[in-house]
Amino acid sequence: MSTLCIRFLLPPMYEAALPRLIALVGEFSPVVEALPPDGVLVDVRGAMRYFGRDAVELAAVIRVRALALYGVDCVIGAGPGPMLARMAVRGAVPGVTRVVGREPEAVAEFLGPKPVAELPGVGRATARTLCEYGLDSVGKVAAAPLSTLQRLIGARAGRELHEKAHGVDRARVVPNAAARSIAAERPFPRDELDPTRHRRALLSITEELGVRMRGEDQVCRSLTLTVRYADRTGYSTTTRTRALPEPTAHSSALTATAYRMYEALGLQRARVRGISLRAEGLGPAEQAAHQLMFDPADDRARRIEEVADRARAKFGPGAIVPGTLAA
């Protein structure tokens, strides 16, 4: 095994802790790929040689350090490549690393009984097509001739499916020093039923995310909203994701999208304990296109935003805030 897939069991609204946990894993191997909101992939081939330990022993050390330093437990899957490690972690439990060996027999034993939809890259339409012809498990797909799979789902897709069903993984762990997402949350001190306070929390979060992205010359492509409720079973959550019309770090655009996502939930007197928002699909701002608008209000808002950012950089993040938040 040379790849670990680690899913940190973060409490609701605590996903902003992921960067610190990624840094912890980075002390063992520089080849770490973030899997927001709560996971990482890590290539431990070099770490095994350096520390003189196998992947399972390294996984145990990472688990203990995450618990000791941050109070966060995790589940870990280990495999010869990213695909098998990510599939292994789905059935892992805290305290035990689920391992898939690199031997063909071990790979076939692990993959064979699984539904074909669990293979990465197999969507609902592809899975439905395969099941119509009786190929409802990975083992049956592996036993099918390559030509049959290519006739059913296409030449390239069929070849990739055939390889994955046999455990052939061409993916690699890609270190991503720049985070692919950033998150912020606003917990409430008590059960909050007031929609006005919910919207104020969203406004505060989008302002924070916008400032952070603009400060790093980044834009995001989508937003994920998580609302945490208080109920008899503990804390339940609702999560929704929406793509932005164009990549942006403009606070007004982020706020408008966040408001629409919140309103679409149709919350009526919901007992909300916290709201979080995650900006996903981060990329360089210089590579993002902006649709020009014949709207002086939009241009004015962007110029004001630039001035406000310079003021915050000089006098601190609280130097300028929206009037709604200052009240």
Foldseek 3Di string as FASTA:
>chain_A
DFKKKKFKPDDPQRQLCVVVLQVLVCVQPVLWADDPSGIIMGGRPVSCVVVVHDPQVVVVVSQVCCCVPPVIGIWMEDEPADQRRVLQSVPTDTPGYRYQYPDLVSLCVVQFAAFLCSRPPQDPVNCVQCVVVVNGGLNSLLVDDLVVQCVRPHNVVSVVSNCVSSVNDPDHRHRDPDDQKHKHKDFDPWFDQDVLVVLVRLLVGLVVQLLVQVVVQKWFFKKKKKWWAQDPVGIDIDIDMDTQPWTGSQSVSSSVVVVVVVVVVVDHSTRTGMMMMMGGRMDHNVPTDDDDDPDVVVVVSVVVVVVLSVVCVVPNVPPDDDPSNVD
